Amino acid sequence: MNHRFKTPLTVYRVGNKRDDNNLFDVREPGQSTTLKCHLIKTEISDKTDTKPVMYIIKKTIGVPKSADVQISDEIVLSGRRYLVIDANPRRYWMELLASCEVKGNDR
């Protein structure tokens, strides 16, 4: 697989919120870092039970292994905000699974 990190990505930390697992307790709000990434896969599924129709976009994104990205960070990719829901370290890079909901007419 060719790992060329060319797509710009901005990472934002979520702050002032805590859940039962204390996921947000040590994070400060605001822009954390700017990275270069590569897109691996995009999946789009729809929620047919809502009006207007909502789409869930899931992207698998590759970033350098040394990147400071954690689960529950928000990332901005191509002008759209995604929530990081999984981070899987690979040999030379880290794979992020990010998700967002979009209205049907905004897609």
PDB file of N, CA and C in Angstrom:
ATOM      1  N   MET A   1       0.839  -1.174   0.000  1.00  0.00           N
ATOM      2  CA  MET A   1       0.000   0.000   0.000  1.00  0.00           C
ATOM      3  C   MET A   1       0.887   1.241   0.000  1.00  0.00           C
ATOM      4  N   ASN A   2       0.517   2.223  -0.791  1.00  0.00           N
ATOM      5  CA  ASN A   2       1.306   3.428  -0.922  1.00  0.00           C
ATOM      6  C   ASN A   2       0.824   4.456   0.102  1.00  0.00           C
ATOM      7  N   HIS A   3       1.688   4.894   1.002  1.00  0.00           N
ATOM      8  CA  HIS A   3       1.291   5.797   2.081  1.00  0.00           C
ATOM      9  C   HIS A   3       1.804   7.201   1.804  1.00  0.00           C
ATOM     10  N   ARG A   4       1.083   7.942   0.988  1.00  0.00           N
ATOM     11  CA  ARG A   4       1.446   9.321   0.718  1.00  0.00           C
ATOM     12  C   ARG A   4       0.481  10.212   1.476  1.00  0.00           C
ATOM     13  N   PHE A   5       0.987  10.941   2.442  1.00  0.00           N
ATOM     14  CA  PHE A   5       0.173  11.808   3.262  1.00  0.00           C
ATOM     15  C   PHE A   5       0.106  13.184   2.603  1.00  0.00           C
ATOM     16  N   LYS A   6      -0.987  13.451   1.882  1.00  0.00           N
ATOM     17  CA  LYS A   6      -1.098  14.703   1.130  1.00  0.00           C
ATOM     18  C   LYS A   6      -2.319  15.528   1.524  1.00  0.00           C
ATOM     19  N   THR A   7      -3.361  14.918   2.037  1.00  0.00           N
ATOM     20  CA  THR A   7      -4.606  15.622   2.328  1.00  0.00           C
ATOM     21  C   THR A   7      -4.507  16.332   3.675  1.00  0.00           C
ATOM     22  N   PRO A   8      -4.809  17.640   3.724  1.00  0.00           N
ATOM     23  CA  PRO A   8      -4.719  18.351   5.004  1.00  0.00           C
ATOM     24  C   PRO A   8      -5.840  17.952   5.967  1.00  0.00           C
ATOM     25  N   LEU A   9      -5.510  17.889   7.240  1.00  0.00           N
ATOM     26  CA  LEU A   9      -6.433  17.465   8.286  1.00  0.00           C
ATOM     27  C   LEU A   9      -6.155  18.313   9.524  1.00  0.00           C
ATOM     28  N   THR A  10      -7.210  18.852  10.140  1.00  0.00           N
ATOM     29  CA  THR A  10      -7.069  19.648  11.353  1.00  0.00           C
ATOM     30  C   THR A  10      -7.730  18.904  12.495  1.00  0.00           C
ATOM     31  N   VAL A  11      -7.052  18.814  13.626  1.00  0.00           N
ATOM     32  CA  VAL A  11      -7.552  18.087  14.792  1.00  0.00           C
ATOM     33  C   VAL A  11      -7.967  19.089  15.864  1.00  0.00           C
ATOM     34  N   TYR A  12      -9.166  18.886  16.429  1.00  0.00           N
ATOM     35  CA  TYR A  12      -9.675  19.715  17.521  1.00  0.00           C
ATOM     36  C   TYR A  12      -9.926  18.838  18.725  1.00  0.00           C
ATOM     37  N   ARG A  13      -9.540  19.320  19.899  1.00  0.00           N
ATOM     38  CA  ARG A  13      -9.820  18.615  21.142  1.00  0.00           C
ATOM     39  C   ARG A  13     -11.149  19.087  21.703  1.00  0.00           C
ATOM     40  N   VAL A  14     -11.890  18.170  22.264  1.00  0.00           N
ATOM     41  CA  VAL A  14     -13.155  18.494  22.893  1.00  0.00           C
ATOM     42  C   VAL A  14     -12.880  18.733  24.368  1.00  0.00           C
ATOM     43  N   GLY A  15     -13.408  19.803  24.911  1.00  0.00           N
ATOM     44  CA  GLY A  15     -13.113  20.111  26.299  1.00  0.00           C
ATOM     45  C   GLY A  15     -14.350  20.374  27.120  1.00  0.00           C
ATOM     46  N   ASN A  16     -14.161  20.434  28.433  1.00  0.00           N
ATOM     47  CA  ASN A  16     -15.204  20.773  29.405  1.00  0.00           C
ATOM     48  C   ASN A  16     -16.362  19.791  29.420  1.00  0.00           C
ATOM     49  N   LYS A  17     -16.153  18.565  29.003  1.00  0.00           N
ATOM     50  CA  LYS A  17     -17.185  17.533  29.059  1.00  0.00           C
ATOM     51  C   LYS A  17     -16.567  16.289  29.678  1.00  0.00           C
ATOM     52  N   ARG A  18     -17.349  15.587  30.455  1.00  0.00           N
ATOM     53  CA  ARG A  18     -16.898  14.305  31.012  1.00  0.00           C
ATOM     54  C   ARG A  18     -18.025  13.302  30.900  1.00  0.00           C
ATOM     55  N   ASP A  19     -17.664  12.082  30.576  1.00  0.00           N
ATOM     56  CA  ASP A  19     -18.641  11.012  30.581  1.00  0.00           C
ATOM     57  C   ASP A  19     -18.227   9.988  31.635  1.00  0.00           C
ATOM     58  N   ASP A  20     -18.886   8.841  31.647  1.00  0.00           N
ATOM     59  CA  ASP A  20     -18.607   7.831  32.664  1.00  0.00           C
ATOM     60  C   ASP A  20     -17.181   7.275  32.582  1.00  0.00           C
ATOM     61  N   ASN A  21     -16.601   7.274  31.399  1.00  0.00           N
ATOM     62  CA  ASN A  21     -15.247   6.740  31.224  1.00  0.00           C
ATOM     63  C   ASN A  21     -14.171   7.808  31.316  1.00  0.00           C
ATOM     64  N   ASN A  22     -14.548   9.069  31.616  1.00  0.00           N
ATOM     65  CA  ASN A  22     -13.614  10.202  31.696  1.00  0.00           C
ATOM     66  C   ASN A  22     -12.805  10.369  30.417  1.00  0.00           C
ATOM     67  N   LEU A  23     -13.473  10.265  29.276  1.00  0.00           N
ATOM     68  CA  LEU A  23     -12.766  10.405  28.008  1.00  0.00           C
ATOM     69  C   LEU A  23     -12.287  11.828  27.766  1.00  0.00           C
ATOM     70  N   PHE A  24     -12.985  12.834  28.313  1.00  0.00           N
ATOM     71  CA  PHE A  24     -12.667  14.212  27.979  1.00  0.00           C
ATOM     72  C   PHE A  24     -12.002  14.967  29.126  1.00  0.00           C
ATOM     73  N   ASP A  25     -11.563  14.306  30.182  1.00  0.00           N
ATOM     74  CA  ASP A  25     -11.170  15.021  31.389  1.00  0.00           C
ATOM     75  C   ASP A  25      -9.853  15.782  31.272  1.00  0.00           C
ATOM     76  N   VAL A  26      -8.907  15.372  30.441  1.00  0.00           N
ATOM     77  CA  VAL A  26      -7.617  16.049  30.378  1.00  0.00           C
ATOM     78  C   VAL A  26      -7.440  16.836  29.077  1.00  0.00           C
ATOM     79  N   ARG A  27      -8.495  17.072  28.362  1.00  0.00           N
ATOM     80  CA  ARG A  27      -8.381  17.717  27.061  1.00  0.00           C
ATOM     81  C   ARG A  27      -8.777  19.173  27.129  1.00  0.00           C
ATOM     82  N   GLU A  28      -8.065  19.997  26.413  1.00  0.00           N
ATOM     83  CA  GLU A  28      -8.368  21.409  26.346  1.00  0.00           C
ATOM     84  C   GLU A  28      -9.046  21.708  25.018  1.00  0.00           C
ATOM     85  N   PRO A  29     -10.044  22.586  25.027  1.00  0.00           N
ATOM     86  CA  PRO A  29     -10.729  22.895  23.777  1.00  0.00           C
ATOM     87  C   PRO A  29      -9.831  23.694  22.840  1.00  0.00           C
ATOM     88  N   GLY A  30     -10.123  23.611  21.578  1.00  0.00           N
ATOM     89  CA  GLY A  30      -9.392  24.385  20.585  1.00  0.00           C
ATOM     90  C   GLY A  30      -8.610  23.509  19.638  1.00  0.00           C
ATOM     91  N   GLN A  31      -7.981  24.163  18.663  1.00  0.00           N
ATOM     92  CA  GLN A  31      -7.225  23.439  17.651  1.00  0.00           C
ATOM     93  C   GLN A  31      -6.000  22.811  18.272  1.00  0.00           C
ATOM     94  N   SER A  32      -5.825  21.534  18.021  1.00  0.00           N
ATOM     95  CA  SER A  32      -4.710  20.798  18.586  1.00  0.00           C
ATOM     96  C   SER A  32      -3.527  20.776  17.625  1.00  0.00           C
ATOM     97  N   THR A  33      -3.766  20.338  16.408  1.00  0.00           N
ATOM     98  CA  THR A  33      -2.671  20.210  15.445  1.00  0.00           C
ATOM     99  C   THR A  33      -3.219  20.154  14.024  1.00  0.00           C
ATOM    100  N   THR A  34      -2.340  20.354  13.064  1.00  0.00           N
ATOM    101  CA  THR A  34      -2.662  20.205  11.643  1.00  0.00           C
ATOM    102  C   THR A  34      -1.747  19.133  11.086  1.00  0.00           C
ATOM    103  N   LEU A  35      -2.330  18.175  10.378  1.00  0.00           N
ATOM    104  CA  LEU A  35      -1.590  17.022   9.857  1.00  0.00           C
ATOM    105  C   LEU A  35      -1.816  16.869   8.367  1.00  0.00           C
ATOM    106  N   LYS A  36      -1.058  15.985   7.777  1.00  0.00           N
ATOM    107  CA  LYS A  36      -1.325  15.495   6.428  1.00  0.00           C
ATOM    108  C   LYS A  36      -1.766  14.047   6.568  1.00  0.00           C
ATOM    109  N   CYS A  37      -2.770  13.636   5.799  1.00  0.00           N
ATOM    110  CA  CYS A  37      -3.306  12.277   5.919  1.00  0.00           C
ATOM    111  C   CYS A  37      -3.577  11.714   4.539  1.00  0.00           C
ATOM    112  N   HIS A  38      -3.968  10.455   4.489  1.00  0.00           N
ATOM    113  CA  HIS A  38      -4.463   9.872   3.247  1.00  0.00           C
ATOM    114  C   HIS A  38      -5.767   9.135   3.545  1.00  0.00           C
ATOM    115  N   LEU A  39      -6.686   9.212   2.606  1.00  0.00           N
ATOM    116  CA  LEU A  39      -7.993   8.572   2.759  1.00  0.00           C
ATOM    117  C   LEU A  39      -7.897   7.139   2.260  1.00  0.00           C
ATOM    118  N   ILE A  40      -8.359   6.222   3.085  1.00  0.00           N
ATOM    119  CA  ILE A  40      -8.291   4.815   2.733  1.00  0.00           C
ATOM    120  C   ILE A  40      -9.636   4.343   2.184  1.00  0.00           C
ATOM    121  N   LYS A  41     -10.710   4.663   2.907  1.00  0.00           N
ATOM    122  CA  LYS A  41     -12.020   4.141   2.516  1.00  0.00           C
ATOM    123  C   LYS A  41     -13.108   5.102   2.993  1.00  0.00           C
ATOM    124  N   THR A  42     -14.199   5.194   2.226  1.00  0.00           N
ATOM    125  CA  THR A  42     -15.369   5.981   2.601  1.00  0.00           C
ATOM    126  C   THR A  42     -16.601   5.100   2.481  1.00  0.00           C
ATOM    127  N   GLU A  43     -17.428   5.093   3.532  1.00  0.00           N
ATOM    128  CA  GLU A  43     -18.688   4.354   3.521  1.00  0.00           C
ATOM    129  C   GLU A  43     -19.813   5.331   3.797  1.00  0.00           C
ATOM    130  N   ILE A  44     -20.906   5.217   3.035  1.00  0.00           N
ATOM    131  CA  ILE A  44     -22.066   6.070   3.249  1.00  0.00           C
ATOM    132  C   ILE A  44     -23.279   5.173   3.437  1.00  0.00           C
ATOM    133  N   SER A  45     -23.990   5.384   4.541  1.00  0.00           N
ATOM    134  CA  SER A  45     -25.234   4.660   4.779  1.00  0.00           C
ATOM    135  C   SER A  45     -26.303   5.682   5.157  1.00  0.00           C
ATOM    136  N   ASP A  46     -27.557   5.317   4.967  1.00  0.00           N
ATOM    137  CA  ASP A  46     -28.618   6.278   5.241  1.00  0.00           C
ATOM    138  C   ASP A  46     -29.510   5.812   6.372  1.00  0.00           C
ATOM    139  N   LYS A  47     -30.105   6.764   7.054  1.00  0.00           N
ATOM    140  CA  LYS A  47     -31.102   6.504   8.087  1.00  0.00           C
ATOM    141  C   LYS A  47     -32.449   6.763   7.439  1.00  0.00           C
ATOM    142  N   THR A  48     -33.162   5.737   7.098  1.00  0.00           N
ATOM    143  CA  THR A  48     -34.425   5.920   6.386  1.00  0.00           C
ATOM    144  C   THR A  48     -35.577   6.251   7.316  1.00  0.00           C
ATOM    145  N   ASP A  49     -35.388   6.097   8.628  1.00  0.00           N
ATOM    146  CA  ASP A  49     -36.489   6.358   9.544  1.00  0.00           C
ATOM    147  C   ASP A  49     -36.615   7.829   9.921  1.00  0.00           C
ATOM    148  N   THR A  50     -35.726   8.686   9.435  1.00  0.00           N
ATOM    149  CA  THR A  50     -35.797  10.102   9.766  1.00  0.00           C
ATOM    150  C   THR A  50     -36.194  10.914   8.542  1.00  0.00           C
ATOM    151  N   LYS A  51     -36.861  12.013   8.783  1.00  0.00           N
ATOM    152  CA  LYS A  51     -37.230  12.953   7.721  1.00  0.00           C
ATOM    153  C   LYS A  51     -36.677  14.304   8.090  1.00  0.00           C
ATOM    154  N   PRO A  52     -35.908  14.998   7.294  1.00  0.00           N
ATOM    155  CA  PRO A  52     -35.368  14.555   6.011  1.00  0.00           C
ATOM    156  C   PRO A  52     -34.351  13.437   6.196  1.00  0.00           C
ATOM    157  N   VAL A  53     -34.039  12.757   5.124  1.00  0.00           N
ATOM    158  CA  VAL A  53     -33.135  11.612   5.185  1.00  0.00           C
ATOM    159  C   VAL A  53     -31.753  12.076   5.641  1.00  0.00           C
ATOM    160  N   MET A  54     -31.207  11.372   6.620  1.00  0.00           N
ATOM    161  CA  MET A  54     -29.864  11.662   7.131  1.00  0.00           C
ATOM    162  C   MET A  54     -28.916  10.573   6.633  1.00  0.00           C
ATOM    163  N   TYR A  55     -27.719  10.977   6.285  1.00  0.00           N
ATOM    164  CA  TYR A  55     -26.692  10.039   5.849  1.00  0.00           C
ATOM    165  C   TYR A  55     -25.585  10.001   6.890  1.00  0.00           C
ATOM    166  N   ILE A  56     -25.050   8.822   7.140  1.00  0.00           N
ATOM    167  CA  ILE A  56     -23.906   8.652   8.024  1.00  0.00           C
ATOM    168  C   ILE A  56     -22.700   8.378   7.142  1.00  0.00           C
ATOM    169  N   ILE A  57     -21.704   9.238   7.250  1.00  0.00           N
ATOM    170  CA  ILE A  57     -20.481   9.085   6.463  1.00  0.00           C
ATOM    171  C   ILE A  57     -19.388   8.593   7.391  1.00  0.00           C
ATOM    172  N   LYS A  58     -18.797   7.461   7.067  1.00  0.00           N
ATOM    173  CA  LYS A  58     -17.674   6.914   7.827  1.00  0.00           C
ATOM    174  C   LYS A  58     -16.456   6.895   6.919  1.00  0.00           C
ATOM    175  N   LYS A  59     -15.374   7.455   7.415  1.00  0.00           N
ATOM    176  CA  LYS A  59     -14.131   7.481   6.652  1.00  0.00           C
ATOM    177  C   LYS A  59     -13.039   6.781   7.430  1.00  0.00           C
ATOM    178  N   THR A  60     -12.237   6.009   6.735  1.00  0.00           N
ATOM    179  CA  THR A  60     -11.032   5.422   7.298  1.00  0.00           C
ATOM    180  C   THR A  60      -9.876   6.253   6.782  1.00  0.00           C
ATOM    181  N   ILE A  61      -9.111   6.821   7.719  1.00  0.00           N
ATOM    182  CA  ILE A  61      -8.083   7.796   7.391  1.00  0.00           C
ATOM    183  C   ILE A  61      -6.748   7.320   7.957  1.00  0.00           C
ATOM    184  N   GLY A  62      -5.708   7.423   7.165  1.00  0.00           N
ATOM    185  CA  GLY A  62      -4.368   7.084   7.628  1.00  0.00           C
ATOM    186  C   GLY A  62      -3.600   8.349   7.984  1.00  0.00           C
ATOM    187  N   VAL A  63      -2.983   8.364   9.163  1.00  0.00           N
ATOM    188  CA  VAL A  63      -2.166   9.489   9.620  1.00  0.00           C
ATOM    189  C   VAL A  63      -0.815   8.937  10.077  1.00  0.00           C
ATOM    190  N   PRO A  64       0.200   9.796  10.195  1.00  0.00           N
ATOM    191  CA  PRO A  64       1.479   9.309  10.727  1.00  0.00           C
ATOM    192  C   PRO A  64       1.313   8.739  12.129  1.00  0.00           C
ATOM    193  N   LYS A  65       2.098   7.735  12.449  1.00  0.00           N
ATOM    194  CA  LYS A  65       1.962   7.050  13.733  1.00  0.00           C
ATOM    195  C   LYS A  65       2.253   7.968  14.917  1.00  0.00           C
ATOM    196  N   SER A  66       3.067   8.982  14.719  1.00  0.00           N
ATOM    197  CA  SER A  66       3.413   9.907  15.798  1.00  0.00           C
ATOM    198  C   SER A  66       2.370  11.002  16.010  1.00  0.00           C
ATOM    199  N   ALA A  67       1.272  10.989  15.248  1.00  0.00           N
ATOM    200  CA  ALA A  67       0.252  12.037  15.353  1.00  0.00           C
ATOM    201  C   ALA A  67      -0.469  11.965  16.691  1.00  0.00           C
ATOM    202  N   ASP A  68      -0.787  13.131  17.234  1.00  0.00           N
ATOM    203  CA  ASP A  68      -1.474  13.231  18.523  1.00  0.00           C
ATOM    204  C   ASP A  68      -2.979  13.289  18.283  1.00  0.00           C
ATOM    205  N   VAL A  69      -3.564  12.165  17.892  1.00  0.00           N
ATOM    206  CA  VAL A  69      -5.002  12.057  17.659  1.00  0.00           C
ATOM    207  C   VAL A  69      -5.520  10.941  18.531  1.00  0.00           C
ATOM    208  N   GLN A  70      -6.607  11.209  19.252  1.00  0.00           N
ATOM    209  CA  GLN A  70      -7.174  10.223  20.155  1.00  0.00           C
ATOM    210  C   GLN A  70      -8.649  10.032  19.853  1.00  0.00           C
ATOM    211  N   ILE A  71      -9.214   8.980  20.410  1.00  0.00           N
ATOM    212  CA  ILE A  71     -10.643   8.737  20.270  1.00  0.00           C
ATOM    213  C   ILE A  71     -11.395   9.899  20.893  1.00  0.00           C
ATOM    214  N   SER A  72     -12.468  10.319  20.277  1.00  0.00           N
ATOM    215  CA  SER A  72     -13.371  11.409  20.649  1.00  0.00           C
ATOM    216  C   SER A  72     -12.823  12.783  20.292  1.00  0.00           C
ATOM    217  N   ASP A  73     -11.720  12.884  19.555  1.00  0.00           N
ATOM    218  CA  ASP A  73     -11.296  14.159  18.983  1.00  0.00           C
ATOM    219  C   ASP A  73     -12.173  14.463  17.782  1.00  0.00           C
ATOM    220  N   GLU A  74     -12.280  15.733  17.447  1.00  0.00           N
ATOM    221  CA  GLU A  74     -12.976  16.117  16.226  1.00  0.00           C
ATOM    222  C   GLU A  74     -11.926  16.487  15.197  1.00  0.00           C
ATOM    223  N   ILE A  75     -12.164  16.072  13.948  1.00  0.00           N
ATOM    224  CA  ILE A  75     -11.246  16.410  12.870  1.00  0.00           C
ATOM    225  C   ILE A  75     -12.023  17.123  11.776  1.00  0.00           C
ATOM    226  N   VAL A  76     -11.354  18.007  11.084  1.00  0.00           N
ATOM    227  CA  VAL A  76     -11.951  18.709   9.955  1.00  0.00           C
ATOM    228  C   VAL A  76     -11.227  18.250   8.710  1.00  0.00           C
ATOM    229  N   LEU A  77     -12.001  17.671   7.802  1.00  0.00           N
ATOM    230  CA  LEU A  77     -11.458  17.139   6.558  1.00  0.00           C
ATOM    231  C   LEU A  77     -12.334  17.644   5.428  1.00  0.00           C
ATOM    232  N   SER A  78     -11.764  18.402   4.513  1.00  0.00           N
ATOM    233  CA  SER A  78     -12.488  18.970   3.374  1.00  0.00           C
ATOM    234  C   SER A  78     -13.686  19.805   3.818  1.00  0.00           C
ATOM    235  N   GLY A  79     -13.538  20.557   4.881  1.00  0.00           N
ATOM    236  CA  GLY A  79     -14.593  21.450   5.336  1.00  0.00           C
ATOM    237  C   GLY A  79     -15.695  20.802   6.138  1.00  0.00           C
ATOM    238  N   ARG A  80     -15.596  19.528   6.432  1.00  0.00           N
ATOM    239  CA  ARG A  80     -16.633  18.818   7.181  1.00  0.00           C
ATOM    240  C   ARG A  80     -16.040  18.271   8.474  1.00  0.00           C
ATOM    241  N   ARG A  81     -16.799  18.386   9.576  1.00  0.00           N
ATOM    242  CA  ARG A  81     -16.325  17.920  10.889  1.00  0.00           C
ATOM    243  C   ARG A  81     -16.709  16.468  11.108  1.00  0.00           C
ATOM    244  N   TYR A  82     -15.732  15.669  11.523  1.00  0.00           N
ATOM    245  CA  TYR A  82     -15.921  14.256  11.831  1.00  0.00           C
ATOM    246  C   TYR A  82     -15.517  14.012  13.272  1.00  0.00           C
ATOM    247  N   LEU A  83     -16.084  12.983  13.870  1.00  0.00           N
ATOM    248  CA  LEU A  83     -15.724  12.552  15.208  1.00  0.00           C
ATOM    249  C   LEU A  83     -14.918  11.262  15.088  1.00  0.00           C
ATOM    250  N   VAL A  84     -13.757  11.208  15.725  1.00  0.00           N
ATOM    251  CA  VAL A  84     -12.918  10.011  15.690  1.00  0.00           C
ATOM    252  C   VAL A  84     -13.524   8.982  16.637  1.00  0.00           C
ATOM    253  N   ILE A  85     -13.928   7.820  16.102  1.00  0.00           N
ATOM    254  CA  ILE A  85     -14.570   6.799  16.926  1.00  0.00           C
ATOM    255  C   ILE A  85     -13.687   5.582  17.152  1.00  0.00           C
ATOM    256  N   ASP A  86     -12.560   5.487  16.426  1.00  0.00           N
ATOM    257  CA  ASP A  86     -11.644   4.370  16.640  1.00  0.00           C
ATOM    258  C   ASP A  86     -10.267   4.755  16.111  1.00  0.00           C
ATOM    259  N   ALA A  87      -9.219   4.293  16.765  1.00  0.00           N
ATOM    260  CA  ALA A  87      -7.842   4.517  16.332  1.00  0.00           C
ATOM    261  C   ALA A  87      -7.102   3.188  16.417  1.00  0.00           C
ATOM    262  N   ASN A  88      -6.567   2.748  15.295  1.00  0.00           N
ATOM    263  CA  ASN A  88      -5.917   1.449  15.209  1.00  0.00           C
ATOM    264  C   ASN A  88      -4.475   1.636  14.735  1.00  0.00           C
ATOM    265  N   PRO A  89      -3.476   1.440  15.601  1.00  0.00           N
ATOM    266  CA  PRO A  89      -2.085   1.616  15.162  1.00  0.00           C
ATOM    267  C   PRO A  89      -1.654   0.489  14.229  1.00  0.00           C
ATOM    268  N   ARG A  90      -1.005   0.849  13.169  1.00  0.00           N
ATOM    269  CA  ARG A  90      -0.424  -0.112  12.230  1.00  0.00           C
ATOM    270  C   ARG A  90       1.095  -0.086  12.392  1.00  0.00           C
ATOM    271  N   ARG A  91       1.803  -0.683  11.454  1.00  0.00           N
ATOM    272  CA  ARG A  91       3.262  -0.768  11.597  1.00  0.00           C
ATOM    273  C   ARG A  91       3.937   0.599  11.479  1.00  0.00           C
ATOM    274  N   TYR A  92       3.621   1.352  10.425  1.00  0.00           N
ATOM    275  CA  TYR A  92       4.282   2.638  10.199  1.00  0.00           C
ATOM    276  C   TYR A  92       3.327   3.824  10.286  1.00  0.00           C
ATOM    277  N   TRP A  93       2.042   3.589  10.408  1.00  0.00           N
ATOM    278  CA  TRP A  93       1.054   4.651  10.431  1.00  0.00           C
ATOM    279  C   TRP A  93      -0.108   4.253  11.321  1.00  0.00           C
ATOM    280  N   MET A  94      -1.021   5.181  11.577  1.00  0.00           N
ATOM    281  CA  MET A  94      -2.183   4.919  12.415  1.00  0.00           C
ATOM    282  C   MET A  94      -3.449   5.097  11.578  1.00  0.00           C
ATOM    283  N   GLU A  95      -4.384   4.188  11.750  1.00  0.00           N
ATOM    284  CA  GLU A  95      -5.633   4.208  11.004  1.00  0.00           C
ATOM    285  C   GLU A  95      -6.746   4.732  11.910  1.00  0.00           C
ATOM    286  N   LEU A  96      -7.432   5.795  11.479  1.00  0.00           N
ATOM    287  CA  LEU A  96      -8.527   6.385  12.234  1.00  0.00           C
ATOM    288  C   LEU A  96      -9.843   6.068  11.557  1.00  0.00           C
ATOM    289  N   LEU A  97     -10.865   5.796  12.357  1.00  0.00           N
ATOM    290  CA  LEU A  97     -12.218   5.653  11.842  1.00  0.00           C
ATOM    291  C   LEU A  97     -12.991   6.864  12.334  1.00  0.00           C
ATOM    292  N   ALA A  98     -13.486   7.684  11.401  1.00  0.00           N
ATOM    293  CA  ALA A  98     -14.188   8.915  11.748  1.00  0.00           C
ATOM    294  C   ALA A  98     -15.582   8.880  11.145  1.00  0.00           C
ATOM    295  N   SER A  99     -16.532   9.530  11.812  1.00  0.00           N
ATOM    296  CA  SER A  99     -17.929   9.465  11.392  1.00  0.00           C
ATOM    297  C   SER A  99     -18.581  10.828  11.531  1.00  0.00           C
ATOM    298  N   CYS A 100     -19.563  11.110  10.676  1.00  0.00           N
ATOM    299  CA  CYS A 100     -20.395  12.309  10.825  1.00  0.00           C
ATOM    300  C   CYS A 100     -21.763  12.042  10.204  1.00  0.00           C
ATOM    301  N   GLU A 101     -22.753  12.838  10.616  1.00  0.00           N
ATOM    302  CA  GLU A 101     -24.106  12.755  10.072  1.00  0.00           C
ATOM    303  C   GLU A 101     -24.349  13.977   9.196  1.00  0.00           C
ATOM    304  N   VAL A 102     -24.967  13.751   8.040  1.00  0.00           N
ATOM    305  CA  VAL A 102     -25.204  14.817   7.073  1.00  0.00           C
ATOM    306  C   VAL A 102     -26.651  14.725   6.614  1.00  0.00           C
ATOM    307  N   LYS A 103     -27.322  15.880   6.472  1.00  0.00           N
ATOM    308  CA  LYS A 103     -28.664  15.895   5.901  1.00  0.00           C
ATOM    309  C   LYS A 103     -28.583  15.532   4.427  1.00  0.00           C
ATOM    310  N   GLY A 104     -29.671  15.001   3.911  1.00  0.00           N
ATOM    311  CA  GLY A 104     -29.702  14.549   2.522  1.00  0.00           C
ATOM    312  C   GLY A 104     -29.383  15.647   1.516  1.00  0.00           C
ATOM    313  N   ASN A 105     -29.862  16.866   1.757  1.00  0.00           N
ATOM    314  CA  ASN A 105     -29.618  17.939   0.789  1.00  0.00           C
ATOM    315  C   ASN A 105     -28.227  18.547   0.952  1.00  0.00           C
ATOM    316  N   ASP A 106     -27.504  18.285   2.044  1.00  0.00           N
ATOM    317  CA  ASP A 106     -26.145  18.804   2.233  1.00  0.00           C
ATOM    318  C   ASP A 106     -25.094  17.881   1.659  1.00  0.00           C
ATOM    319  N   ARG A 107     -25.473  16.689   1.281  1.00  0.00           N
ATOM    320  CA  ARG A 107     -24.528  15.697   0.832  1.00  0.00           C
ATOM    321  C   ARG A 107     -23.987  16.058  -0.517  1.00  0.00           C
TER     322      ARG A 107
END
